[in-house]
Amino acid sequence: MLSIDKNQVMIEHYRELTLVSETRIQVTMKSYRITIDGEQLHVLALGKDEILLEGSVQNLAFAYEK
């Protein structure tokens, strides 16, 4: 589940947070990977099955994995 509101992104049911930088965040889900590109990106909250991100999102991409 992915929710976007203003400069915040909530990702639920993730498997792994694989990359965090000020310009890119990658999250692995069950069968795909989410890549968020932007500026001043950071993790606001990290729970067992959800992540809250904040920053200026410029691009969001899904890549399906086998």
PDB file of N, CA and C in Angstrom:
ATOM      1  N   MET A   1       0.848  -1.168   0.000  1.00  0.00           N
ATOM      2  CA  MET A   1       0.000   0.000   0.000  1.00  0.00           C
ATOM      3  C   MET A   1       0.894   1.232   0.000  1.00  0.00           C
ATOM      4  N   LEU A   2       0.576   2.184  -0.827  1.00  0.00           N
ATOM      5  CA  LEU A   2       1.340   3.408  -0.968  1.00  0.00           C
ATOM      6  C   LEU A   2       0.375   4.577  -0.870  1.00  0.00           C
ATOM      7  N   SER A   3       0.673   5.530   0.015  1.00  0.00           N
ATOM      8  CA  SER A   3      -0.144   6.730   0.170  1.00  0.00           C
ATOM      9  C   SER A   3       0.754   7.949   0.045  1.00  0.00           C
ATOM     10  N   ILE A   4       0.296   8.945  -0.719  1.00  0.00           N
ATOM     11  CA  ILE A   4       1.064  10.171  -0.905  1.00  0.00           C
ATOM     12  C   ILE A   4       0.187  11.341  -0.493  1.00  0.00           C
ATOM     13  N   ASP A   5       0.730  12.221   0.378  1.00  0.00           N
ATOM     14  CA  ASP A   5       0.015  13.399   0.837  1.00  0.00           C
ATOM     15  C   ASP A   5       1.014  14.535   0.993  1.00  0.00           C
ATOM     16  N   LYS A   6       0.881  15.553   0.175  1.00  0.00           N
ATOM     17  CA  LYS A   6       1.799  16.703   0.177  1.00  0.00           C
ATOM     18  C   LYS A   6       3.227  16.208  -0.006  1.00  0.00           C
ATOM     19  N   ASN A   7       4.103  16.419   0.954  1.00  0.00           N
ATOM     20  CA  ASN A   7       5.504  16.005   0.845  1.00  0.00           C
ATOM     21  C   ASN A   7       5.802  14.740   1.641  1.00  0.00           C
ATOM     22  N   GLN A   8       4.769  13.938   1.921  1.00  0.00           N
ATOM     23  CA  GLN A   8       4.974  12.714   2.682  1.00  0.00           C
ATOM     24  C   GLN A   8       4.490  11.499   1.893  1.00  0.00           C
ATOM     25  N   VAL A   9       5.229  10.394   2.050  1.00  0.00           N
ATOM     26  CA  VAL A   9       4.876   9.135   1.408  1.00  0.00           C
ATOM     27  C   VAL A   9       4.848   8.050   2.493  1.00  0.00           C
ATOM     28  N   MET A  10       3.738   7.331   2.588  1.00  0.00           N
ATOM     29  CA  MET A  10       3.601   6.215   3.517  1.00  0.00           C
ATOM     30  C   MET A  10       3.607   4.931   2.703  1.00  0.00           C
ATOM     31  N   ILE A  11       4.534   4.025   3.051  1.00  0.00           N
ATOM     32  CA  ILE A  11       4.622   2.731   2.387  1.00  0.00           C
ATOM     33  C   ILE A  11       4.359   1.658   3.434  1.00  0.00           C
ATOM     34  N   GLU A  12       3.349   0.839   3.176  1.00  0.00           N
ATOM     35  CA  GLU A  12       2.991  -0.232   4.107  1.00  0.00           C
ATOM     36  C   GLU A  12       3.355  -1.591   3.506  1.00  0.00           C
ATOM     37  N   HIS A  13       3.612  -2.549   4.372  1.00  0.00           N
ATOM     38  CA  HIS A  13       3.899  -3.937   4.008  1.00  0.00           C
ATOM     39  C   HIS A  13       5.186  -4.073   3.187  1.00  0.00           C
ATOM     40  N   TYR A  14       6.209  -3.344   3.565  1.00  0.00           N
ATOM     41  CA  TYR A  14       7.487  -3.427   2.860  1.00  0.00           C
ATOM     42  C   TYR A  14       8.298  -4.601   3.396  1.00  0.00           C
ATOM     43  N   ARG A  15       9.284  -5.008   2.625  1.00  0.00           N
ATOM     44  CA  ARG A  15      10.188  -6.077   3.066  1.00  0.00           C
ATOM     45  C   ARG A  15      11.520  -5.526   3.544  1.00  0.00           C
ATOM     46  N   GLU A  16      12.089  -4.567   2.770  1.00  0.00           N
ATOM     47  CA  GLU A  16      13.414  -4.068   3.114  1.00  0.00           C
ATOM     48  C   GLU A  16      13.600  -2.648   2.578  1.00  0.00           C
ATOM     49  N   LEU A  17      14.226  -1.825   3.374  1.00  0.00           N
ATOM     50  CA  LEU A  17      14.648  -0.491   2.955  1.00  0.00           C
ATOM     51  C   LEU A  17      16.072  -0.654   2.443  1.00  0.00           C
ATOM     52  N   THR A  18      16.272  -0.551   1.127  1.00  0.00           N
ATOM     53  CA  THR A  18      17.561  -0.924   0.538  1.00  0.00           C
ATOM     54  C   THR A  18      18.484   0.251   0.252  1.00  0.00           C
ATOM     55  N   LEU A  19      17.953   1.463   0.135  1.00  0.00           N
ATOM     56  CA  LEU A  19      18.790   2.630  -0.144  1.00  0.00           C
ATOM     57  C   LEU A  19      18.138   3.873   0.419  1.00  0.00           C
ATOM     58  N   VAL A  20      18.931   4.678   1.126  1.00  0.00           N
ATOM     59  CA  VAL A  20      18.440   5.953   1.643  1.00  0.00           C
ATOM     60  C   VAL A  20      19.513   7.006   1.406  1.00  0.00           C
ATOM     61  N   SER A  21      19.169   8.033   0.654  1.00  0.00           N
ATOM     62  CA  SER A  21      20.031   9.196   0.482  1.00  0.00           C
ATOM     63  C   SER A  21      19.123  10.419   0.386  1.00  0.00           C
ATOM     64  N   GLU A  22      19.703  11.595   0.328  1.00  0.00           N
ATOM     65  CA  GLU A  22      18.893  12.817   0.232  1.00  0.00           C
ATOM     66  C   GLU A  22      18.175  12.934  -1.104  1.00  0.00           C
ATOM     67  N   THR A  23      18.622  12.176  -2.117  1.00  0.00           N
ATOM     68  CA  THR A  23      18.027  12.286  -3.440  1.00  0.00           C
ATOM     69  C   THR A  23      17.346  11.005  -3.929  1.00  0.00           C
ATOM     70  N   ARG A  24      17.525   9.879  -3.223  1.00  0.00           N
ATOM     71  CA  ARG A  24      16.900   8.625  -3.653  1.00  0.00           C
ATOM     72  C   ARG A  24      16.640   7.697  -2.475  1.00  0.00           C
ATOM     73  N   ILE A  25      15.449   7.080  -2.495  1.00  0.00           N
ATOM     74  CA  ILE A  25      15.093   6.053  -1.511  1.00  0.00           C
ATOM     75  C   ILE A  25      14.540   4.862  -2.280  1.00  0.00           C
ATOM     76  N   GLN A  26      15.027   3.655  -1.954  1.00  0.00           N
ATOM     77  CA  GLN A  26      14.523   2.434  -2.571  1.00  0.00           C
ATOM     78  C   GLN A  26      13.986   1.508  -1.491  1.00  0.00           C
ATOM     79  N   VAL A  27      12.820   0.950  -1.779  1.00  0.00           N
ATOM     80  CA  VAL A  27      12.157   0.042  -0.854  1.00  0.00           C
ATOM     81  C   VAL A  27      11.764  -1.217  -1.621  1.00  0.00           C
ATOM     82  N   THR A  28      12.098  -2.382  -1.071  1.00  0.00           N
ATOM     83  CA  THR A  28      11.727  -3.650  -1.689  1.00  0.00           C
ATOM     84  C   THR A  28      10.420  -4.144  -1.071  1.00  0.00           C
ATOM     85  N   MET A  29       9.489  -4.485  -1.951  1.00  0.00           N
ATOM     86  CA  MET A  29       8.208  -5.037  -1.538  1.00  0.00           C
ATOM     87  C   MET A  29       8.223  -6.534  -1.863  1.00  0.00           C
ATOM     88  N   LYS A  30       7.086  -7.199  -1.764  1.00  0.00           N
ATOM     89  CA  LYS A  30       7.026  -8.644  -2.009  1.00  0.00           C
ATOM     90  C   LYS A  30       7.436  -9.001  -3.436  1.00  0.00           C
ATOM     91  N   SER A  31       6.897  -8.315  -4.436  1.00  0.00           N
ATOM     92  CA  SER A  31       7.192  -8.677  -5.818  1.00  0.00           C
ATOM     93  C   SER A  31       7.664  -7.500  -6.679  1.00  0.00           C
ATOM     94  N   TYR A  32       7.958  -6.364  -6.056  1.00  0.00           N
ATOM     95  CA  TYR A  32       8.442  -5.219  -6.813  1.00  0.00           C
ATOM     96  C   TYR A  32       9.290  -4.310  -5.926  1.00  0.00           C
ATOM     97  N   ARG A  33       9.957  -3.356  -6.573  1.00  0.00           N
ATOM     98  CA  ARG A  33      10.791  -2.386  -5.874  1.00  0.00           C
ATOM     99  C   ARG A  33      10.254  -0.993  -6.183  1.00  0.00           C
ATOM    100  N   ILE A  34      10.172  -0.154  -5.170  1.00  0.00           N
ATOM    101  CA  ILE A  34       9.754   1.235  -5.329  1.00  0.00           C
ATOM    102  C   ILE A  34      10.997   2.112  -5.218  1.00  0.00           C
ATOM    103  N   THR A  35      11.192   2.992  -6.201  1.00  0.00           N
ATOM    104  CA  THR A  35      12.287   3.952  -6.169  1.00  0.00           C
ATOM    105  C   THR A  35      11.694   5.353  -6.174  1.00  0.00           C
ATOM    106  N   ILE A  36      12.088   6.140  -5.195  1.00  0.00           N
ATOM    107  CA  ILE A  36      11.615   7.521  -5.076  1.00  0.00           C
ATOM    108  C   ILE A  36      12.809   8.440  -5.260  1.00  0.00           C
ATOM    109  N   ASP A  37      12.719   9.326  -6.235  1.00  0.00           N
ATOM    110  CA  ASP A  37      13.759  10.323  -6.479  1.00  0.00           C
ATOM    111  C   ASP A  37      13.215  11.696  -6.101  1.00  0.00           C
ATOM    112  N   GLY A  38      14.085  12.526  -5.550  1.00  0.00           N
ATOM    113  CA  GLY A  38      13.658  13.864  -5.169  1.00  0.00           C
ATOM    114  C   GLY A  38      14.777  14.616  -4.489  1.00  0.00           C
ATOM    115  N   GLU A  39      14.387  15.548  -3.636  1.00  0.00           N
ATOM    116  CA  GLU A  39      15.337  16.375  -2.897  1.00  0.00           C
ATOM    117  C   GLU A  39      14.965  16.368  -1.423  1.00  0.00           C
ATOM    118  N   GLN A  40      15.965  16.409  -0.585  1.00  0.00           N
ATOM    119  CA  GLN A  40      15.796  16.453   0.872  1.00  0.00           C
ATOM    120  C   GLN A  40      14.913  15.312   1.367  1.00  0.00           C
ATOM    121  N   LEU A  41      15.108  14.123   0.811  1.00  0.00           N
ATOM    122  CA  LEU A  41      14.341  12.946   1.227  1.00  0.00           C
ATOM    123  C   LEU A  41      14.913  12.395   2.526  1.00  0.00           C
ATOM    124  N   HIS A  42      14.023  11.994   3.425  1.00  0.00           N
ATOM    125  CA  HIS A  42      14.463  11.359   4.665  1.00  0.00           C
ATOM    126  C   HIS A  42      13.320  10.537   5.252  1.00  0.00           C
ATOM    127  N   VAL A  43      13.698   9.624   6.136  1.00  0.00           N
ATOM    128  CA  VAL A  43      12.743   8.741   6.797  1.00  0.00           C
ATOM    129  C   VAL A  43      12.274   9.420   8.077  1.00  0.00           C
ATOM    130  N   LEU A  44      10.964   9.642   8.184  1.00  0.00           N
ATOM    131  CA  LEU A  44      10.389  10.227   9.398  1.00  0.00           C
ATOM    132  C   LEU A  44      10.105   9.166  10.449  1.00  0.00           C
ATOM    133  N   ALA A  45       9.593   8.022   9.998  1.00  0.00           N
ATOM    134  CA  ALA A  45       9.254   6.941  10.924  1.00  0.00           C
ATOM    135  C   ALA A  45       9.471   5.609  10.220  1.00  0.00           C
ATOM    136  N   LEU A  46       9.986   4.653  10.983  1.00  0.00           N
ATOM    137  CA  LEU A  46      10.260   3.330  10.453  1.00  0.00           C
ATOM    138  C   LEU A  46       9.701   2.308  11.429  1.00  0.00           C
ATOM    139  N   GLY A  47       8.677   1.592  10.976  1.00  0.00           N
ATOM    140  CA  GLY A  47       8.071   0.571  11.815  1.00  0.00           C
ATOM    141  C   GLY A  47       8.309  -0.811  11.226  1.00  0.00           C
ATOM    142  N   LYS A  48       7.751  -1.805  11.877  1.00  0.00           N
ATOM    143  CA  LYS A  48       7.935  -3.187  11.434  1.00  0.00           C
ATOM    144  C   LYS A  48       7.393  -3.411  10.029  1.00  0.00           C
ATOM    145  N   ASP A  49       6.278  -2.786   9.690  1.00  0.00           N
ATOM    146  CA  ASP A  49       5.700  -3.006   8.363  1.00  0.00           C
ATOM    147  C   ASP A  49       5.295  -1.728   7.637  1.00  0.00           C
ATOM    148  N   GLU A  50       5.745  -0.560   8.131  1.00  0.00           N
ATOM    149  CA  GLU A  50       5.446   0.677   7.427  1.00  0.00           C
ATOM    150  C   GLU A  50       6.564   1.702   7.585  1.00  0.00           C
ATOM    151  N   ILE A  51       6.703   2.526   6.546  1.00  0.00           N
ATOM    152  CA  ILE A  51       7.722   3.566   6.509  1.00  0.00           C
ATOM    153  C   ILE A  51       7.040   4.876   6.148  1.00  0.00           C
ATOM    154  N   LEU A  52       7.383   5.949   6.846  1.00  0.00           N
ATOM    155  CA  LEU A  52       6.895   7.276   6.509  1.00  0.00           C
ATOM    156  C   LEU A  52       8.085   8.093   6.042  1.00  0.00           C
ATOM    157  N   LEU A  53       8.009   8.576   4.795  1.00  0.00           N
ATOM    158  CA  LEU A  53       9.085   9.344   4.182  1.00  0.00           C
ATOM    159  C   LEU A  53       8.625  10.781   3.977  1.00  0.00           C
ATOM    160  N   GLU A  54       9.592  11.703   3.934  1.00  0.00           N
ATOM    161  CA  GLU A  54       9.265  13.102   3.693  1.00  0.00           C
ATOM    162  C   GLU A  54      10.322  13.719   2.791  1.00  0.00           C
ATOM    163  N   GLY A  55       9.911  14.674   1.995  1.00  0.00           N
ATOM    164  CA  GLY A  55      10.818  15.399   1.120  1.00  0.00           C
ATOM    165  C   GLY A  55      10.088  15.844  -0.136  1.00  0.00           C
ATOM    166  N   SER A  56      10.832  16.444  -1.033  1.00  0.00           N
ATOM    167  CA  SER A  56      10.285  16.904  -2.300  1.00  0.00           C
ATOM    168  C   SER A  56      10.400  15.774  -3.322  1.00  0.00           C
ATOM    169  N   VAL A  57       9.307  15.071  -3.550  1.00  0.00           N
ATOM    170  CA  VAL A  57       9.295  13.919  -4.462  1.00  0.00           C
ATOM    171  C   VAL A  57       9.176  14.418  -5.897  1.00  0.00           C
ATOM    172  N   GLN A  58      10.113  13.997  -6.747  1.00  0.00           N
ATOM    173  CA  GLN A  58      10.098  14.386  -8.155  1.00  0.00           C
ATOM    174  C   GLN A  58       9.709  13.228  -9.061  1.00  0.00           C
ATOM    175  N   ASN A  59      10.021  12.005  -8.638  1.00  0.00           N
ATOM    176  CA  ASN A  59       9.708  10.831  -9.460  1.00  0.00           C
ATOM    177  C   ASN A  59       9.505   9.622  -8.558  1.00  0.00           C
ATOM    178  N   LEU A  60       8.540   8.785  -8.927  1.00  0.00           N
ATOM    179  CA  LEU A  60       8.273   7.555  -8.199  1.00  0.00           C
ATOM    180  C   LEU A  60       8.129   6.445  -9.233  1.00  0.00           C
ATOM    181  N   ALA A  61       8.914   5.369  -9.086  1.00  0.00           N
ATOM    182  CA  ALA A  61       8.890   4.294 -10.082  1.00  0.00           C
ATOM    183  C   ALA A  61       8.724   2.940  -9.406  1.00  0.00           C
ATOM    184  N   PHE A  62       8.030   2.032 -10.117  1.00  0.00           N
ATOM    185  CA  PHE A  62       7.848   0.646  -9.689  1.00  0.00           C
ATOM    186  C   PHE A  62       8.593  -0.251 -10.655  1.00  0.00           C
ATOM    187  N   ALA A  63       9.356  -1.192 -10.137  1.00  0.00           N
ATOM    188  CA  ALA A  63      10.029  -2.177 -10.973  1.00  0.00           C
ATOM    189  C   ALA A  63       9.649  -3.551 -10.451  1.00  0.00           C
ATOM    190  N   TYR A  64       8.965  -4.335 -11.282  1.00  0.00           N
ATOM    191  CA  TYR A  64       8.553  -5.685 -10.877  1.00  0.00           C
ATOM    192  C   TYR A  64       9.751  -6.620 -10.914  1.00  0.00           C
ATOM    193  N   GLU A  65       9.859  -7.466  -9.897  1.00  0.00           N
ATOM    194  CA  GLU A  65      10.948  -8.418  -9.782  1.00  0.00           C
ATOM    195  C   GLU A  65      10.383  -9.826  -9.768  1.00  0.00           C
ATOM    196  N   LYS A  66      11.152 -10.767 -10.289  1.00  0.00           N
ATOM    197  CA  LYS A  66      10.714 -12.164 -10.305  1.00  0.00           C
ATOM    198  C   LYS A  66      11.221 -12.885  -9.102  1.00  0.00           C
TER     199      LYS A  66
END
